Amino acid sequence: MPPAELGAAKGTALRLLGDIGRVCAAYQDVTLRSLACRRVQCDEVWAFVRAKEKNVPSDMRGKYGLGDTWTWVALDADTKSAICWLVGKRDATYAHAFFQTLVSRLAHRVQLTTDGHRAHVEAVENSFGSEVDYAMPRENLRGRARRRNY
């Protein structure tokens, strides 16, 4: 049911959702620490807010929260638990922030797999140093995934 049918104003419902999100994020930031993960898979999911980047009106371009956005996520490959996530751009700045958060949540060395996004390599190296087994699947000529180790 829409908020109006429940007797709540849209603004009130949106503020409540924002408050709940902040409390959940704070809880998870404290609770999801020293995780005993062995294998971690990271990826990004594309979405857009209001309009795709190319269709954002010129007077609104560059405004935070409009256009293309990416949800970065790290999953424990064995339990499928979300270890951490970040919503933002798909660039080196967000890559570094994401992997710094990820490394702060882990208890020990892990096997890390990401896609071939260029920003990952430097961000993983800066965040984990040599304390990670890092691989990126890549397509070979027959279309099967092949791992490239670093």
Protein backbone atom coordinates (compact mmCIF):
# COMPACT_ATOMS: atom_id res chain seq x y z
CA MET A 1 0.00 0.00 0.00
CA PRO A 2 1.21 3.53 -0.70
CA PRO A 3 2.00 5.61 2.42
CA ALA A 4 -1.11 7.79 1.91
CA GLU A 5 -3.35 4.72 2.23
CA LEU A 6 -1.64 3.92 5.54
CA GLY A 7 -2.28 7.41 6.88
CA ALA A 8 1.33 8.64 6.51
CA ALA A 9 2.66 11.46 4.38
CA LYS A 10 5.18 10.60 1.67
CA GLY A 11 7.83 12.85 3.28
CA THR A 12 7.34 11.13 6.64
CA ALA A 13 7.74 7.68 5.08
CA LEU A 14 10.86 8.77 3.19
CA ARG A 15 12.42 10.25 6.35
CA LEU A 16 11.68 7.01 8.22
CA LEU A 17 13.32 4.95 5.46
CA GLY A 18 16.37 7.23 5.59
CA ASP A 19 16.58 6.87 9.37
CA ILE A 20 16.25 3.09 9.15
CA GLY A 21 18.97 2.96 6.49
CA ARG A 22 21.38 5.00 8.64
CA VAL A 23 20.75 2.82 11.71
CA CYS A 24 21.23 -0.38 9.68
CA ALA A 25 24.46 0.96 8.16
CA ALA A 26 25.80 1.90 11.61
CA TYR A 27 24.88 -1.52 13.00
CA GLN A 28 26.51 -3.36 10.11
CA ASP A 29 29.61 -1.17 10.29
CA VAL A 30 30.11 -2.26 13.91
CA THR A 31 28.96 -5.88 13.54
CA LEU A 32 30.54 -6.93 10.24
CA ARG A 33 34.15 -7.01 11.49
CA SER A 34 36.81 -9.72 11.77
CA LEU A 35 34.90 -11.90 9.30
CA ALA A 36 36.44 -15.32 8.69
CA CYS A 37 35.81 -15.35 4.94
CA ARG A 38 38.07 -17.46 2.73
CA ARG A 39 36.84 -16.54 -0.77
CA VAL A 40 35.45 -13.09 -1.64
CA GLN A 41 33.87 -12.05 -4.94
CA CYS A 42 33.48 -8.36 -5.82
CA ASP A 43 31.49 -6.72 -8.58
CA GLU A 44 29.51 -3.60 -9.44
CA VAL A 45 25.92 -3.27 -10.58
CA TRP A 46 24.90 -0.35 -12.81
CA ALA A 47 21.71 1.66 -12.34
CA PHE A 48 20.62 5.24 -12.91
CA VAL A 49 18.86 7.88 -10.86
CA ARG A 50 16.28 10.01 -12.67
CA ALA A 51 17.94 9.53 -16.08
CA LYS A 52 20.82 7.73 -17.72
CA GLU A 53 23.98 9.83 -17.64
CA LYS A 54 23.69 10.80 -21.31
CA ASN A 55 20.10 12.03 -20.78
CA VAL A 56 20.63 14.16 -17.65
CA PRO A 57 19.68 17.77 -18.51
CA SER A 58 22.75 19.94 -19.07
CA ASP A 59 21.85 22.28 -16.19
CA MET A 60 21.83 19.28 -13.79
CA ARG A 61 24.96 17.47 -15.02
CA GLY A 62 27.52 16.82 -12.33
CA LYS A 63 24.92 17.14 -9.57
CA TYR A 64 25.37 14.39 -6.97
CA GLY A 65 22.70 11.71 -7.07
CA LEU A 66 21.67 12.07 -10.72
CA GLY A 67 22.58 9.89 -13.68
CA ASP A 68 24.60 6.70 -13.68
CA THR A 69 25.34 5.11 -10.35
CA TRP A 70 27.04 1.88 -9.34
CA THR A 71 26.50 -0.40 -6.37
CA TRP A 72 29.80 -2.00 -5.42
CA VAL A 73 29.36 -5.27 -3.50
CA ALA A 74 31.66 -7.85 -1.90
CA LEU A 75 30.18 -11.30 -1.28
CA ASP A 76 31.51 -14.22 0.73
CA ALA A 77 31.62 -16.85 -2.03
CA ASP A 78 30.81 -19.67 0.38
CA THR A 79 27.94 -18.19 2.42
CA LYS A 80 26.75 -15.60 -0.16
CA SER A 81 26.72 -13.00 2.63
CA ALA A 82 27.22 -9.36 1.66
CA ILE A 83 30.40 -8.25 3.44
CA CYS A 84 30.30 -4.63 2.34
CA TRP A 85 28.86 -2.38 -0.34
CA LEU A 86 29.16 1.14 -1.61
CA VAL A 87 26.96 3.22 -3.90
CA GLY A 88 28.69 5.77 -6.12
CA LYS A 89 30.66 6.17 -9.32
CA ARG A 90 32.71 3.46 -11.04
CA ASP A 91 36.09 5.15 -10.73
CA ALA A 92 39.39 4.87 -8.85
CA THR A 93 38.24 7.01 -5.92
CA TYR A 94 35.27 4.76 -5.20
CA ALA A 95 37.36 1.63 -5.87
CA HIS A 96 39.87 2.67 -3.20
CA ALA A 97 37.12 3.50 -0.67
CA PHE A 98 35.36 0.19 -1.35
CA PHE A 99 38.45 -2.01 -1.01
CA GLN A 100 39.64 -0.11 2.09
CA THR A 101 36.28 -0.89 3.70
CA LEU A 102 36.47 -4.52 2.59
CA VAL A 103 39.96 -5.11 4.01
CA SER A 104 38.88 -3.56 7.35
CA ARG A 105 36.14 -6.18 7.71
CA LEU A 106 38.24 -9.30 7.13
CA ALA A 107 40.05 -11.34 9.77
CA HIS A 108 42.77 -12.82 7.54
CA ARG A 109 44.11 -13.31 4.01
CA VAL A 110 41.45 -14.15 1.41
CA GLN A 111 41.17 -15.25 -2.18
CA LEU A 112 39.67 -12.23 -3.97
CA THR A 113 38.01 -12.30 -7.39
CA THR A 114 36.90 -9.20 -9.32
CA ASP A 115 35.94 -8.40 -12.90
CA GLY A 116 38.53 -6.81 -15.15
CA HIS A 117 37.81 -3.19 -14.22
CA ARG A 118 41.10 -1.28 -14.36
CA ALA A 119 40.54 0.64 -11.11
CA HIS A 120 40.45 -2.62 -9.13
CA VAL A 121 44.10 -3.56 -9.64
CA GLU A 122 45.61 -0.47 -8.00
CA ALA A 123 42.89 -0.25 -5.34
CA VAL A 124 43.37 -3.90 -4.32
CA GLU A 125 47.15 -3.49 -4.19
CA ASN A 126 46.91 -0.30 -2.10
CA SER A 127 44.31 -1.79 0.27
CA PHE A 128 45.56 -5.36 0.75
CA GLY A 129 49.25 -5.09 -0.11
CA SER A 130 50.60 -8.62 -0.52
CA GLU A 131 48.02 -10.05 1.91
CA VAL A 132 45.59 -11.29 -0.76
CA ASP A 133 45.35 -13.97 -3.42
CA TYR A 134 43.90 -11.93 -6.29
CA ALA A 135 42.44 -13.13 -9.58
CA MET A 136 40.31 -11.73 -12.40
CA PRO A 137 38.39 -14.06 -14.73
CA ARG A 138 38.89 -13.21 -18.36
CA GLU A 139 37.37 -14.50 -21.55
CA ASN A 140 39.51 -16.61 -23.83
CA LEU A 141 38.84 -17.08 -27.54
CA ARG A 142 36.40 -19.93 -26.91
CA GLY A 143 34.28 -17.80 -24.55
CA ARG A 144 35.13 -19.72 -21.37
CA ALA A 145 36.28 -17.82 -18.31
CA ARG A 146 39.96 -18.13 -17.49
CA ARG A 147 41.62 -16.79 -14.32
CA ARG A 148 44.46 -14.30 -14.44
CA ASN A 149 46.42 -14.27 -11.16
CA TYR A 150 48.31 -11.27 -9.77
